[in-house]
Amino acid sequence: MNVLGAVAVSAMVLAYALEARHRAFVGVFAVACAASSVYGFLIGSLPFGVVEAVWSVVAVRRLRRTPSAAHPFVSLDPSVTVLGRRRR
C-alpha cells in the first residue's frame, strides 16, 4: 500500500512540473490526485483523502477548459514573456 502512495505522489509532482508542456499532463495530474485520494482513504486519513479528491476535481475542470493548443501562459515564441506580452 505504501507503494501506491509513493507512486501517486511522485506522479502528481512530475505531472505538475510538466503541465505547461502539454494539456495531457493536467489529466495525468488529475488521475494521480485521484490515486492519492484513494491511498489517503485506505490508510484512514480522511482529510488527506478529501483534499486530494478536491484537487482531482479541480484538475479535471482545468483539463476541460484548457485549450488543446497550449497552456495559456506558455509560448514557444522567445519574444513573448511569461504573461503573454510581447517584449519591446
C-alpha atoms as a PDB file:
ATOM      1  CA  MET A   1       0.000   0.000   0.000  1.00  0.00           C
ATOM      2  CA  ASN A   2       2.929   2.359   0.611  1.00  0.00           C
ATOM      3  CA  VAL A   3       3.965   1.817  -2.994  1.00  0.00           C
ATOM      4  CA  LEU A   4       0.596   3.199  -4.153  1.00  0.00           C
ATOM      5  CA  GLY A   5       1.117   6.367  -2.127  1.00  0.00           C
ATOM      6  CA  ALA A   6       4.692   6.842  -3.309  1.00  0.00           C
ATOM      7  CA  VAL A   7       3.790   6.305  -6.964  1.00  0.00           C
ATOM      8  CA  ALA A   8       0.715   8.551  -6.749  1.00  0.00           C
ATOM      9  CA  VAL A   9       2.539  11.456  -5.100  1.00  0.00           C
ATOM     10  CA  SER A  10       5.552  11.101  -7.417  1.00  0.00           C
ATOM     11  CA  ALA A  11       3.260  11.154 -10.452  1.00  0.00           C
ATOM     12  CA  MET A  12       1.482  14.231  -9.071  1.00  0.00           C
ATOM     13  CA  VAL A  13       4.721  16.155  -8.657  1.00  0.00           C
ATOM     14  CA  LEU A  14       6.042  15.144 -12.075  1.00  0.00           C
ATOM     15  CA  ALA A  15       2.775  15.941 -13.857  1.00  0.00           C
ATOM     16  CA  TYR A  16       2.508  19.289 -12.075  1.00  0.00           C
ATOM     17  CA  ALA A  17       6.043  20.185 -13.162  1.00  0.00           C
ATOM     18  CA  LEU A  18       5.299  19.264 -16.784  1.00  0.00           C
ATOM     19  CA  GLU A  19       1.742  20.543 -17.158  1.00  0.00           C
ATOM     20  CA  ALA A  20       2.831  23.659 -19.051  1.00  0.00           C
ATOM     21  CA  ARG A  21       4.275  21.475 -21.804  1.00  0.00           C
ATOM     22  CA  HIS A  22       1.041  19.736 -22.783  1.00  0.00           C
ATOM     23  CA  ARG A  23      -2.512  19.596 -21.505  1.00  0.00           C
ATOM     24  CA  ALA A  24      -2.277  15.806 -21.152  1.00  0.00           C
ATOM     25  CA  PHE A  25      -0.154  16.349 -18.047  1.00  0.00           C
ATOM     26  CA  VAL A  26      -3.138  18.071 -16.416  1.00  0.00           C
ATOM     27  CA  GLY A  27      -5.034  14.823 -16.997  1.00  0.00           C
ATOM     28  CA  VAL A  28      -2.183  12.803 -15.546  1.00  0.00           C
ATOM     29  CA  PHE A  29      -2.214  15.148 -12.548  1.00  0.00           C
ATOM     30  CA  ALA A  30      -5.963  14.541 -12.080  1.00  0.00           C
ATOM     31  CA  VAL A  31      -5.544  10.768 -12.185  1.00  0.00           C
ATOM     32  CA  ALA A  32      -2.579  10.911  -9.802  1.00  0.00           C
ATOM     33  CA  CYS A  33      -4.599  13.049  -7.377  1.00  0.00           C
ATOM     34  CA  ALA A  34      -7.436  10.525  -7.519  1.00  0.00           C
ATOM     35  CA  ALA A  35      -4.981   7.692  -6.797  1.00  0.00           C
ATOM     36  CA  SER A  36      -3.529   9.691  -3.937  1.00  0.00           C
ATOM     37  CA  SER A  37      -7.048  10.251  -2.610  1.00  0.00           C
ATOM     38  CA  VAL A  38      -7.720   6.520  -2.676  1.00  0.00           C
ATOM     39  CA  TYR A  39      -4.464   5.965  -0.817  1.00  0.00           C
ATOM     40  CA  GLY A  40      -5.475   8.558   1.787  1.00  0.00           C
ATOM     41  CA  PHE A  41      -8.780   6.809   2.420  1.00  0.00           C
ATOM     42  CA  LEU A  42      -7.100   3.389   2.538  1.00  0.00           C
ATOM     43  CA  ILE A  43      -4.691   4.486   5.256  1.00  0.00           C
ATOM     44  CA  GLY A  44      -7.517   6.079   7.215  1.00  0.00           C
ATOM     45  CA  SER A  45      -6.559   9.708   6.665  1.00  0.00           C
ATOM     46  CA  LEU A  46      -9.902  11.304   5.875  1.00  0.00           C
ATOM     47  CA  PRO A  47      -8.585  14.894   5.484  1.00  0.00           C
ATOM     48  CA  PHE A  48      -5.836  13.806   3.065  1.00  0.00           C
ATOM     49  CA  GLY A  49      -8.291  11.738   1.024  1.00  0.00           C
ATOM     50  CA  VAL A  50     -10.788  14.588   0.802  1.00  0.00           C
ATOM     51  CA  VAL A  51      -8.199  17.221  -0.134  1.00  0.00           C
ATOM     52  CA  GLU A  52      -6.731  15.038  -2.870  1.00  0.00           C
ATOM     53  CA  ALA A  53     -10.231  14.295  -4.202  1.00  0.00           C
ATOM     54  CA  VAL A  54     -10.895  18.042  -4.401  1.00  0.00           C
ATOM     55  CA  TRP A  55      -7.587  18.565  -6.249  1.00  0.00           C
ATOM     56  CA  SER A  56      -8.582  15.827  -8.676  1.00  0.00           C
ATOM     57  CA  VAL A  57     -11.904  17.553  -9.417  1.00  0.00           C
ATOM     58  CA  VAL A  58     -10.143  20.906  -9.867  1.00  0.00           C
ATOM     59  CA  ALA A  59      -7.656  19.333 -12.289  1.00  0.00           C
ATOM     60  CA  VAL A  60     -10.436  17.702 -14.326  1.00  0.00           C
ATOM     61  CA  ARG A  61     -12.215  21.063 -14.577  1.00  0.00           C
ATOM     62  CA  ARG A  62      -8.966  22.715 -15.708  1.00  0.00           C
ATOM     63  CA  LEU A  63      -8.462  19.965 -18.280  1.00  0.00           C
ATOM     64  CA  ARG A  64     -11.928  20.525 -19.691  1.00  0.00           C
ATOM     65  CA  ARG A  65     -11.486  24.290 -20.107  1.00  0.00           C
ATOM     66  CA  THR A  66      -7.809  24.432 -21.168  1.00  0.00           C
ATOM     67  CA  PRO A  67      -7.421  24.891 -24.929  1.00  0.00           C
ATOM     68  CA  SER A  68      -5.877  21.916 -26.634  1.00  0.00           C
ATOM     69  CA  ALA A  69      -3.226  24.001 -28.396  1.00  0.00           C
ATOM     70  CA  ALA A  70      -1.167  25.065 -25.395  1.00  0.00           C
ATOM     71  CA  HIS A  71      -1.224  26.252 -21.840  1.00  0.00           C
ATOM     72  CA  PRO A  72      -2.479  29.859 -21.731  1.00  0.00           C
ATOM     73  CA  PHE A  73       0.720  31.218 -20.130  1.00  0.00           C
ATOM     74  CA  VAL A  74       3.254  29.354 -22.266  1.00  0.00           C
ATOM     75  CA  SER A  75       4.536  30.440 -25.634  1.00  0.00           C
ATOM     76  CA  LEU A  76       7.224  28.897 -27.793  1.00  0.00           C
ATOM     77  CA  ASP A  77       7.983  32.348 -29.178  1.00  0.00           C
ATOM     78  CA  PRO A  78      11.017  33.733 -27.278  1.00  0.00           C
ATOM     79  CA  SER A  79       9.818  37.311 -27.788  1.00  0.00           C
ATOM     80  CA  VAL A  80       6.741  36.631 -25.644  1.00  0.00           C
ATOM     81  CA  THR A  81       7.058  36.977 -21.883  1.00  0.00           C
ATOM     82  CA  VAL A  82       5.503  34.687 -19.297  1.00  0.00           C
ATOM     83  CA  LEU A  83       2.205  36.556 -19.170  1.00  0.00           C
ATOM     84  CA  GLY A  84       1.847  36.595 -22.956  1.00  0.00           C
ATOM     85  CA  ARG A  85       3.057  40.162 -23.523  1.00  0.00           C
ATOM     86  CA  ARG A  86       5.468  40.909 -26.308  1.00  0.00           C
ATOM     87  CA  ARG A  87       8.904  42.262 -25.475  1.00  0.00           C
ATOM     88  CA  ARG A  88       9.737  45.683 -26.859  1.00  0.00           C
END
